[in-house]
Amino acid sequence: MKEFVEYIAKHLVDHPDGVVVEEKAVEEKKLVLSLKVKSEDIGKVIGKQGKTAQSIRTLLTAVAAKEGKRAILKIQE
């Protein structure tokens, strides 16, 4: 799942080398992914009214459900 979020984020931003995804297992079937991008790219990841970020979260939820897990995405600068 980490690679999935990283792939999407790198194709959205102007500086793909600034994309970092950290994965933490909170519980057995619950993951928290932290997405960090450069400050000038934060708007591209979030999108207008948060629609891009919501779409990424929706895709992540679907991928996690296939593995029987629950995933949460946090976007940081």
N, C-alpha and C. Protein backbone atom coordinates (compact mmCIF):
# COMPACT_ATOMS: atom_id res chain seq x y z
N MET A 1 0.81 -1.20 0.00
CA MET A 1 0.00 0.00 0.00
C MET A 1 0.86 1.26 0.00
N LYS A 2 1.98 1.17 0.66
CA LYS A 2 2.90 2.30 0.69
C LYS A 2 3.34 2.66 -0.73
N GLU A 3 3.68 1.65 -1.52
CA GLU A 3 4.12 1.86 -2.88
C GLU A 3 3.00 2.44 -3.74
N PHE A 4 1.78 2.02 -3.47
CA PHE A 4 0.62 2.51 -4.22
C PHE A 4 0.44 4.01 -4.02
N VAL A 5 0.46 4.46 -2.78
CA VAL A 5 0.30 5.89 -2.48
C VAL A 5 1.48 6.69 -3.04
N GLU A 6 2.67 6.13 -2.91
CA GLU A 6 3.87 6.80 -3.42
C GLU A 6 3.79 6.97 -4.94
N TYR A 7 3.33 5.95 -5.63
CA TYR A 7 3.19 6.00 -7.09
C TYR A 7 2.22 7.11 -7.51
N ILE A 8 1.08 7.17 -6.87
CA ILE A 8 0.08 8.18 -7.21
C ILE A 8 0.62 9.58 -6.93
N ALA A 9 1.20 9.78 -5.76
CA ALA A 9 1.69 11.10 -5.36
C ALA A 9 2.81 11.58 -6.28
N LYS A 10 3.71 10.70 -6.66
CA LYS A 10 4.83 11.10 -7.52
C LYS A 10 4.36 11.56 -8.89
N HIS A 11 3.23 11.03 -9.35
CA HIS A 11 2.71 11.43 -10.65
C HIS A 11 1.86 12.70 -10.58
N LEU A 12 1.52 13.15 -9.38
CA LEU A 12 0.73 14.36 -9.22
C LEU A 12 1.58 15.61 -9.04
N VAL A 13 2.75 15.48 -8.43
CA VAL A 13 3.55 16.63 -8.01
C VAL A 13 4.59 17.02 -9.06
N ASP A 14 5.16 18.24 -8.90
CA ASP A 14 6.23 18.71 -9.77
C ASP A 14 7.59 18.20 -9.32
N HIS A 15 7.74 17.89 -8.03
CA HIS A 15 9.00 17.42 -7.46
C HIS A 15 8.82 16.01 -6.88
N PRO A 16 8.86 14.98 -7.74
CA PRO A 16 8.63 13.61 -7.25
C PRO A 16 9.68 13.13 -6.26
N ASP A 17 10.87 13.73 -6.28
CA ASP A 17 11.91 13.32 -5.34
C ASP A 17 11.59 13.76 -3.91
N GLY A 18 10.66 14.69 -3.75
CA GLY A 18 10.28 15.17 -2.42
C GLY A 18 9.15 14.38 -1.78
N VAL A 19 8.68 13.33 -2.44
CA VAL A 19 7.57 12.53 -1.92
C VAL A 19 8.12 11.44 -0.99
N VAL A 20 7.58 11.42 0.25
CA VAL A 20 7.97 10.41 1.23
C VAL A 20 6.71 9.84 1.85
N VAL A 21 6.61 8.52 1.89
CA VAL A 21 5.46 7.86 2.50
C VAL A 21 5.97 6.98 3.63
N GLU A 22 5.41 7.21 4.82
CA GLU A 22 5.76 6.40 5.99
C GLU A 22 4.56 5.56 6.37
N GLU A 23 4.80 4.31 6.72
CA GLU A 23 3.73 3.37 7.06
C GLU A 23 3.88 2.92 8.50
N LYS A 24 2.80 3.03 9.27
CA LYS A 24 2.81 2.59 10.66
C LYS A 24 1.64 1.64 10.87
N ALA A 25 1.90 0.53 11.52
CA ALA A 25 0.85 -0.42 11.86
C ALA A 25 0.35 -0.08 13.26
N VAL A 26 -0.84 0.50 13.34
CA VAL A 26 -1.41 0.89 14.63
C VAL A 26 -1.95 -0.34 15.35
N GLU A 27 -2.73 -1.11 14.63
CA GLU A 27 -3.29 -2.35 15.15
C GLU A 27 -3.00 -3.44 14.14
N GLU A 28 -3.49 -4.63 14.42
CA GLU A 28 -3.21 -5.75 13.53
C GLU A 28 -3.72 -5.51 12.11
N LYS A 29 -4.92 -4.96 11.99
CA LYS A 29 -5.50 -4.75 10.67
C LYS A 29 -5.73 -3.28 10.35
N LYS A 30 -4.98 -2.40 10.99
CA LYS A 30 -5.15 -0.97 10.76
C LYS A 30 -3.79 -0.33 10.49
N LEU A 31 -3.70 0.38 9.36
CA LEU A 31 -2.47 1.05 8.97
C LEU A 31 -2.68 2.55 8.88
N VAL A 32 -1.66 3.31 9.24
CA VAL A 32 -1.67 4.75 9.07
C VAL A 32 -0.52 5.09 8.14
N LEU A 33 -0.85 5.73 7.03
CA LEU A 33 0.16 6.15 6.07
C LEU A 33 0.29 7.66 6.13
N SER A 34 1.51 8.15 6.27
CA SER A 34 1.79 9.59 6.28
C SER A 34 2.46 9.96 4.98
N LEU A 35 1.85 10.88 4.25
CA LEU A 35 2.38 11.34 2.97
C LEU A 35 2.98 12.73 3.18
N LYS A 36 4.27 12.86 2.89
CA LYS A 36 4.95 14.15 3.00
C LYS A 36 5.41 14.57 1.62
N VAL A 37 5.08 15.83 1.27
CA VAL A 37 5.51 16.41 0.00
C VAL A 37 6.09 17.79 0.27
N LYS A 38 6.76 18.34 -0.73
CA LYS A 38 7.30 19.69 -0.59
C LYS A 38 6.15 20.68 -0.49
N SER A 39 6.40 21.81 0.15
CA SER A 39 5.34 22.78 0.41
C SER A 39 4.70 23.32 -0.86
N GLU A 40 5.46 23.44 -1.94
CA GLU A 40 4.88 23.96 -3.19
C GLU A 40 4.01 22.93 -3.90
N ASP A 41 4.09 21.67 -3.50
CA ASP A 41 3.29 20.60 -4.11
C ASP A 41 2.08 20.20 -3.29
N ILE A 42 1.92 20.76 -2.11
CA ILE A 42 0.83 20.33 -1.22
C ILE A 42 -0.55 20.57 -1.86
N GLY A 43 -0.68 21.65 -2.60
CA GLY A 43 -1.96 21.96 -3.26
C GLY A 43 -2.33 20.96 -4.34
N LYS A 44 -1.33 20.43 -4.99
CA LYS A 44 -1.60 19.44 -6.05
C LYS A 44 -2.05 18.11 -5.48
N VAL A 45 -1.56 17.78 -4.31
CA VAL A 45 -1.96 16.52 -3.67
C VAL A 45 -3.35 16.65 -3.04
N ILE A 46 -3.64 17.81 -2.48
CA ILE A 46 -4.95 18.02 -1.85
C ILE A 46 -6.02 18.30 -2.89
N GLY A 47 -5.73 19.14 -3.87
CA GLY A 47 -6.69 19.45 -4.93
C GLY A 47 -7.72 20.46 -4.50
N LYS A 48 -8.55 20.85 -5.44
CA LYS A 48 -9.60 21.84 -5.15
C LYS A 48 -10.63 21.22 -4.22
N GLN A 49 -10.87 21.91 -3.12
CA GLN A 49 -11.81 21.49 -2.08
C GLN A 49 -11.50 20.09 -1.56
N GLY A 50 -10.24 19.66 -1.67
CA GLY A 50 -9.83 18.37 -1.13
C GLY A 50 -10.26 17.17 -1.94
N LYS A 51 -10.67 17.39 -3.17
CA LYS A 51 -11.19 16.29 -3.98
C LYS A 51 -10.12 15.28 -4.38
N THR A 52 -8.91 15.76 -4.68
CA THR A 52 -7.84 14.83 -5.05
C THR A 52 -7.45 13.97 -3.86
N ALA A 53 -7.31 14.60 -2.69
CA ALA A 53 -6.96 13.86 -1.47
C ALA A 53 -8.04 12.83 -1.15
N GLN A 54 -9.30 13.20 -1.32
CA GLN A 54 -10.40 12.28 -1.05
C GLN A 54 -10.38 11.11 -2.02
N SER A 55 -10.03 11.38 -3.27
CA SER A 55 -9.95 10.30 -4.26
C SER A 55 -8.82 9.33 -3.92
N ILE A 56 -7.68 9.85 -3.49
CA ILE A 56 -6.57 8.99 -3.09
C ILE A 56 -6.99 8.13 -1.91
N ARG A 57 -7.68 8.73 -0.95
CA ARG A 57 -8.14 7.97 0.23
C ARG A 57 -9.13 6.88 -0.17
N THR A 58 -10.00 7.18 -1.12
CA THR A 58 -10.98 6.19 -1.58
C THR A 58 -10.27 5.00 -2.24
N LEU A 59 -9.30 5.28 -3.09
CA LEU A 59 -8.53 4.20 -3.73
C LEU A 59 -7.77 3.39 -2.70
N LEU A 60 -7.18 4.07 -1.72
CA LEU A 60 -6.43 3.39 -0.67
C LEU A 60 -7.34 2.49 0.16
N THR A 61 -8.54 2.95 0.44
CA THR A 61 -9.51 2.14 1.18
C THR A 61 -9.85 0.86 0.41
N ALA A 62 -10.01 0.99 -0.91
CA ALA A 62 -10.32 -0.18 -1.73
C ALA A 62 -9.17 -1.18 -1.75
N VAL A 63 -7.94 -0.68 -1.88
CA VAL A 63 -6.77 -1.56 -1.90
C VAL A 63 -6.61 -2.26 -0.55
N ALA A 64 -6.81 -1.51 0.53
CA ALA A 64 -6.68 -2.09 1.87
C ALA A 64 -7.76 -3.13 2.13
N ALA A 65 -8.97 -2.87 1.65
CA ALA A 65 -10.07 -3.81 1.86
C ALA A 65 -9.80 -5.15 1.17
N LYS A 66 -9.12 -5.12 0.03
CA LYS A 66 -8.77 -6.36 -0.66
C LYS A 66 -7.84 -7.23 0.18
N GLU A 67 -7.03 -6.57 1.02
CA GLU A 67 -6.11 -7.28 1.90
C GLU A 67 -6.70 -7.53 3.28
N GLY A 68 -7.95 -7.11 3.47
CA GLY A 68 -8.60 -7.30 4.76
C GLY A 68 -8.11 -6.35 5.83
N LYS A 69 -7.69 -5.18 5.43
CA LYS A 69 -7.16 -4.19 6.37
C LYS A 69 -7.91 -2.87 6.23
N ARG A 70 -7.60 -1.95 7.13
CA ARG A 70 -8.15 -0.61 7.10
C ARG A 70 -6.98 0.36 7.06
N ALA A 71 -7.01 1.31 6.14
CA ALA A 71 -5.90 2.25 5.99
C ALA A 71 -6.38 3.69 6.13
N ILE A 72 -5.55 4.50 6.77
CA ILE A 72 -5.82 5.92 6.95
C ILE A 72 -4.65 6.69 6.34
N LEU A 73 -4.96 7.73 5.56
CA LEU A 73 -3.93 8.55 4.93
C LEU A 73 -3.90 9.93 5.57
N LYS A 74 -2.71 10.33 6.04
CA LYS A 74 -2.50 11.67 6.58
C LYS A 74 -1.53 12.38 5.66
N ILE A 75 -1.90 13.59 5.23
CA ILE A 75 -1.06 14.37 4.34
C ILE A 75 -0.38 15.47 5.14
N GLN A 76 0.95 15.52 5.04
CA GLN A 76 1.73 16.51 5.78
C GLN A 76 2.63 17.27 4.82
N GLU A 77 3.03 18.48 5.23
CA GLU A 77 3.97 19.27 4.42
C GLU A 77 5.38 18.84 4.73
